[in-house]
Amino acid sequence: MTIKQARAVLAGAAILLASFQASAIPLSTTYDFYQLTDNNAEDLGGQLSVTVWDWTLANSTFVGQAGYVALTSGQVLFTLQNNVGDVSNIGEVYFDDGFFGTSTAYNSLGTDDFTNFVGGNISPTKPANLPGAELADPDFVATAGFSADTLPGGPENGVDTNIDILGIMLNLGGFADYTAVVAAMDSGALRVGLHVRSIGVEGGSDSYVNNPPDRPPIDPETTVPVPGTLLLLGAGLLGVARFRRKS
């Protein structure tokens, strides 16, 4: 093997390694919340969560659910859950980011659950921004077209039981994807705000913003399969080793 060939092998091995590392990113990432306002004694941060889904995993996970419409490339799914310990319901969902696009609410994605939201520009949230937005650092500024709101009615329209799963599909128009969204969530460039109502015995409301992330452990069942990648990488490195022994 010539030096030129060895360099080519090394370059190929580096590309394969980068591909393998990228493939190990989980295709769903979950974040919890912290309490932004303190109108109620109950702190619900530990029972609220948002999960970001790559479109491929979202399709395989929620296929068959009555409220689900299959995603395509350039779309991501956010699911909101409330693991109710303290009585409460998520009434409005806000996104703080510079992404352009629209959102669509996917209702009732859990088993025998019920939510009744609309998203995007169909029915803008009221209020237009997360209550207490100025308490966030930096201020929370809701992105028009991405928010979702419950339709008028009782608390059952919101996310108010352990089995409720509200989905919000963001249509990113091809200029961003799941990896870009997770990177924005991880850096704080993209934040999710919740206005939670009917909290505890007093029945008041509070606002919550997702916490900075602690990425969950990689689950082999939720990563992009890369058959043969390690084998090819090993073969490339073995070739380099043989070249070095001969030189």
Protein backbone atom coordinates (compact mmCIF):
# COMPACT_ATOMS: atom_id res chain seq x y z
CA MET A 1 0.00 0.00 0.00
CA THR A 2 1.31 3.43 -0.91
CA ILE A 3 1.28 6.45 1.39
CA LYS A 4 -1.47 7.96 -0.76
CA GLN A 5 -3.58 4.83 -0.36
CA ALA A 6 -2.98 4.79 3.39
CA ARG A 7 -4.16 8.38 3.67
CA ALA A 8 -7.30 7.48 1.73
CA VAL A 9 -7.97 4.59 4.11
CA LEU A 10 -7.53 6.87 7.12
CA ALA A 11 -9.88 9.46 5.62
CA GLY A 12 -12.46 6.77 4.95
CA ALA A 13 -12.12 5.42 8.48
CA ALA A 14 -12.66 8.91 9.92
CA ILE A 15 -15.83 9.35 7.87
CA LEU A 16 -17.14 5.97 8.97
CA LEU A 17 -16.38 6.73 12.60
CA ALA A 18 -18.20 10.06 12.38
CA SER A 19 -21.15 8.27 10.80
CA PHE A 20 -21.23 5.74 13.61
CA GLN A 21 -21.05 8.42 16.30
CA ALA A 22 -23.90 10.36 14.69
CA SER A 23 -25.99 7.20 14.47
CA ALA A 24 -25.69 6.67 18.23
CA ILE A 25 -27.81 9.75 18.98
CA PRO A 26 -31.11 8.52 20.49
CA LEU A 27 -34.10 9.09 18.24
CA SER A 28 -36.13 10.40 21.18
CA THR A 29 -34.98 12.75 23.93
CA THR A 30 -36.96 13.64 27.06
CA TYR A 31 -36.74 16.82 29.14
CA ASP A 32 -38.34 17.75 32.46
CA PHE A 33 -39.46 21.20 33.65
CA TYR A 34 -38.79 23.80 36.29
CA GLN A 35 -41.35 26.12 37.87
CA LEU A 36 -41.19 29.64 36.44
CA THR A 37 -43.95 31.28 38.48
CA ASP A 38 -44.94 30.40 42.04
CA ASN A 39 -48.66 31.14 42.32
CA ASN A 40 -49.31 27.74 43.88
CA ALA A 41 -47.64 25.81 46.67
CA GLU A 42 -47.33 22.71 44.50
CA ASP A 43 -44.22 22.42 42.31
CA LEU A 44 -45.10 20.19 39.35
CA GLY A 45 -41.65 20.14 37.77
CA GLY A 46 -41.14 16.46 38.54
CA GLN A 47 -44.38 15.32 36.91
CA LEU A 48 -44.20 17.27 33.64
CA SER A 49 -42.16 16.13 30.64
CA VAL A 50 -41.67 16.77 26.95
CA THR A 51 -40.16 14.25 24.54
CA VAL A 52 -38.74 15.14 21.13
CA TRP A 53 -39.11 12.38 18.50
CA ASP A 54 -37.35 11.82 15.20
CA TRP A 55 -40.00 11.35 12.55
CA THR A 56 -39.05 7.72 11.88
CA LEU A 57 -39.32 6.61 15.51
CA ALA A 58 -42.48 8.66 16.02
CA ASN A 59 -44.10 6.86 13.09
CA SER A 60 -43.20 3.41 14.39
CA THR A 61 -44.25 4.27 17.97
CA PHE A 62 -47.61 5.96 17.39
CA VAL A 63 -48.82 4.25 14.23
CA GLY A 64 -52.42 3.16 14.69
CA GLN A 65 -53.29 5.82 17.28
CA ALA A 66 -56.49 7.59 16.27
CA GLY A 67 -55.01 11.09 16.48
CA TYR A 68 -51.76 10.33 14.67
CA VAL A 69 -50.85 11.30 11.11
CA ALA A 70 -47.53 9.91 9.86
CA LEU A 71 -44.64 12.37 9.79
CA THR A 72 -42.22 12.90 6.93
CA SER A 73 -38.65 14.15 6.71
CA GLY A 74 -38.38 17.73 7.94
CA GLN A 75 -40.98 17.19 10.65
CA VAL A 76 -40.49 16.37 14.34
CA LEU A 77 -42.93 15.40 17.05
CA PHE A 78 -43.08 16.77 20.59
CA THR A 79 -45.15 14.82 23.11
CA LEU A 80 -46.29 16.38 26.39
CA GLN A 81 -47.18 14.32 29.44
CA ASN A 82 -48.31 15.00 32.99
CA ASN A 83 -47.53 12.15 35.38
CA VAL A 84 -50.19 13.42 37.72
CA GLY A 85 -49.37 13.39 41.39
CA ASP A 86 -50.72 16.85 42.13
CA VAL A 87 -53.98 17.54 40.32
CA SER A 88 -53.34 19.80 37.33
CA ASN A 89 -53.77 20.12 33.59
CA ILE A 90 -51.51 21.48 30.85
CA GLY A 91 -53.61 24.11 29.09
CA GLU A 92 -51.21 25.88 26.69
CA VAL A 93 -47.88 24.93 25.12
CA TYR A 94 -45.40 27.52 23.86
CA PHE A 95 -42.14 27.33 21.86
CA ASP A 96 -39.42 29.96 22.18
CA ASP A 97 -37.17 29.81 19.13
CA GLY A 98 -36.35 31.36 15.77
CA PHE A 99 -37.38 28.34 13.70
CA PHE A 100 -39.92 29.11 11.02
CA GLY A 101 -42.83 26.82 10.30
CA THR A 102 -46.17 25.75 11.70
CA SER A 103 -47.42 23.25 14.25
CA THR A 104 -50.25 20.75 14.26
CA ALA A 105 -51.76 19.27 17.43
CA TYR A 106 -52.01 15.47 17.56
CA ASN A 107 -54.62 14.67 20.20
CA SER A 108 -55.14 11.51 22.22
CA LEU A 109 -51.93 9.64 21.44
CA GLY A 110 -52.03 7.60 24.65
CA THR A 111 -54.13 4.55 25.48
CA ASP A 112 -57.75 5.52 26.11
CA ASP A 113 -56.72 9.10 26.84
CA PHE A 114 -58.28 12.38 25.73
CA THR A 115 -56.86 15.80 24.86
CA ASN A 116 -58.44 18.55 22.77
CA PHE A 117 -55.88 21.06 21.49
CA VAL A 118 -55.37 23.04 18.31
CA GLY A 119 -51.98 24.22 17.11
CA GLY A 120 -50.28 26.73 14.89
CA ASN A 121 -52.16 29.59 13.31
CA ILE A 122 -55.52 27.81 13.42
CA SER A 123 -56.28 29.21 16.87
CA PRO A 124 -53.46 31.26 18.42
CA THR A 125 -52.89 30.72 22.13
CA LYS A 126 -54.41 33.13 24.60
CA PRO A 127 -52.42 34.76 26.09
CA ALA A 128 -50.04 35.02 23.14
CA ASN A 129 -46.93 34.53 25.30
CA LEU A 130 -46.16 32.32 28.27
CA PRO A 131 -47.44 34.02 31.46
CA GLY A 132 -44.47 35.17 33.52
CA ALA A 133 -42.24 35.04 30.43
CA GLU A 134 -40.07 37.87 31.77
CA LEU A 135 -38.99 35.65 34.70
CA ALA A 136 -37.08 33.32 32.39
CA ASP A 137 -33.43 34.05 31.58
CA PRO A 138 -33.44 35.25 28.86
CA ASP A 139 -37.08 36.32 28.57
CA PHE A 140 -39.31 33.68 27.01
CA VAL A 141 -40.71 34.90 23.68
CA ALA A 142 -43.24 32.55 22.09
CA THR A 143 -42.78 31.81 18.40
CA ALA A 144 -45.93 32.58 16.43
CA GLY A 145 -47.29 29.54 14.63
CA PHE A 146 -45.72 26.91 16.92
CA SER A 147 -47.87 27.16 20.04
CA ALA A 148 -50.87 24.98 20.93
CA ASP A 149 -53.95 25.73 23.01
CA THR A 150 -56.81 23.75 24.51
CA LEU A 151 -60.23 24.28 23.00
CA PRO A 152 -62.77 25.85 25.37
CA GLY A 153 -64.18 23.40 27.86
CA GLY A 154 -63.35 21.66 31.11
CA PRO A 155 -59.92 20.63 32.46
CA GLU A 156 -60.29 17.26 30.74
CA ASN A 157 -59.45 18.99 27.44
CA GLY A 158 -55.91 19.54 28.73
CA VAL A 159 -53.22 17.06 29.72
CA ASP A 160 -54.58 16.08 33.12
CA THR A 161 -54.07 12.33 33.60
CA ASN A 162 -51.14 9.93 33.59
CA ILE A 163 -52.21 8.39 30.29
CA ASP A 164 -52.78 11.65 28.40
CA ILE A 165 -50.29 12.19 25.59
CA LEU A 166 -50.55 15.39 23.59
CA GLY A 167 -48.51 15.50 20.39
CA ILE A 168 -47.37 18.65 18.63
CA MET A 169 -45.85 18.21 15.19
CA LEU A 170 -43.48 20.95 14.08
CA ASN A 171 -43.16 21.34 10.34
CA LEU A 172 -39.63 22.69 9.83
CA GLY A 173 -39.85 23.00 6.08
CA GLY A 174 -36.65 21.09 5.33
CA PHE A 175 -34.26 23.65 6.84
CA ALA A 176 -33.88 21.73 10.13
CA ASP A 177 -34.38 18.19 11.42
CA TYR A 178 -34.52 16.20 14.65
CA THR A 179 -30.78 16.51 15.25
CA ALA A 180 -30.94 20.30 14.88
CA VAL A 181 -33.96 20.52 17.18
CA VAL A 182 -32.29 18.45 19.93
CA ALA A 183 -29.12 20.53 19.60
CA ALA A 184 -31.23 23.68 20.03
CA MET A 185 -32.99 22.19 23.07
CA ASP A 186 -29.65 21.15 24.56
CA SER A 187 -28.16 24.63 24.13
CA GLY A 188 -31.24 26.48 25.36
CA ALA A 189 -31.78 28.11 21.97
CA LEU A 190 -35.14 26.31 21.80
CA ARG A 191 -37.31 26.16 24.90
CA VAL A 192 -40.76 24.75 25.63
CA GLY A 193 -43.07 26.59 28.00
CA LEU A 194 -46.21 25.21 29.64
CA HIS A 195 -49.10 27.06 31.21
CA VAL A 196 -50.58 24.61 33.72
CA ARG A 197 -54.02 25.16 35.22
CA SER A 198 -56.30 23.83 37.99
CA ILE A 199 -53.35 23.06 40.24
CA GLY A 200 -53.92 21.39 43.59
CA VAL A 201 -56.49 22.44 46.16
CA GLU A 202 -56.39 26.14 45.23
CA GLY A 203 -56.96 25.46 41.53
CA GLY A 204 -54.62 28.22 40.33
CA SER A 205 -52.17 28.25 37.42
CA ASP A 206 -48.39 28.39 36.97
CA SER A 207 -45.88 28.48 34.14
CA TYR A 208 -43.06 25.99 33.53
CA VAL A 209 -40.04 25.91 31.20
CA ASN A 210 -38.06 22.83 30.24
CA ASN A 211 -34.86 22.22 32.16
CA PRO A 212 -31.41 22.20 30.55
CA PRO A 213 -30.87 18.62 29.47
CA ASP A 214 -29.23 15.57 30.87
CA ARG A 215 -29.24 13.38 27.79
CA PRO A 216 -30.68 9.95 28.63
CA PRO A 217 -28.54 6.83 28.18
CA ILE A 218 -28.35 5.56 24.63
CA ASP A 219 -30.93 2.85 24.02
CA PRO A 220 -29.86 0.46 21.23
CA GLU A 221 -33.51 -0.02 20.31
CA THR A 222 -33.99 3.69 19.57
CA THR A 223 -30.86 4.46 17.56
CA VAL A 224 -30.26 4.56 13.83
CA PRO A 225 -29.07 1.10 12.75
CA VAL A 226 -25.64 1.11 11.11
CA PRO A 227 -25.03 -2.50 10.02
CA GLY A 228 -21.47 -3.15 9.01
CA THR A 229 -20.11 0.25 9.98
CA LEU A 230 -17.81 -1.02 12.70
CA LEU A 231 -16.73 -3.90 10.50
CA LEU A 232 -15.77 -1.52 7.69
CA LEU A 233 -14.01 0.78 10.11
CA GLY A 234 -12.06 -2.13 11.57
CA ALA A 235 -11.07 -3.30 8.12
CA GLY A 236 -9.78 0.15 7.25
CA LEU A 237 -7.72 0.41 10.41
CA LEU A 238 -6.39 -3.11 9.88
CA GLY A 239 -5.19 -2.10 6.43
CA VAL A 240 -3.36 0.88 7.89
CA ALA A 241 -1.72 -1.35 10.49
CA ARG A 242 -0.50 -3.75 7.78
CA PHE A 243 0.89 -0.84 5.80
CA ARG A 244 2.82 0.37 8.81
CA ARG A 245 4.32 -3.06 9.44
CA LYS A 246 5.55 -3.29 5.85
CA SER A 247 7.04 0.22 5.74
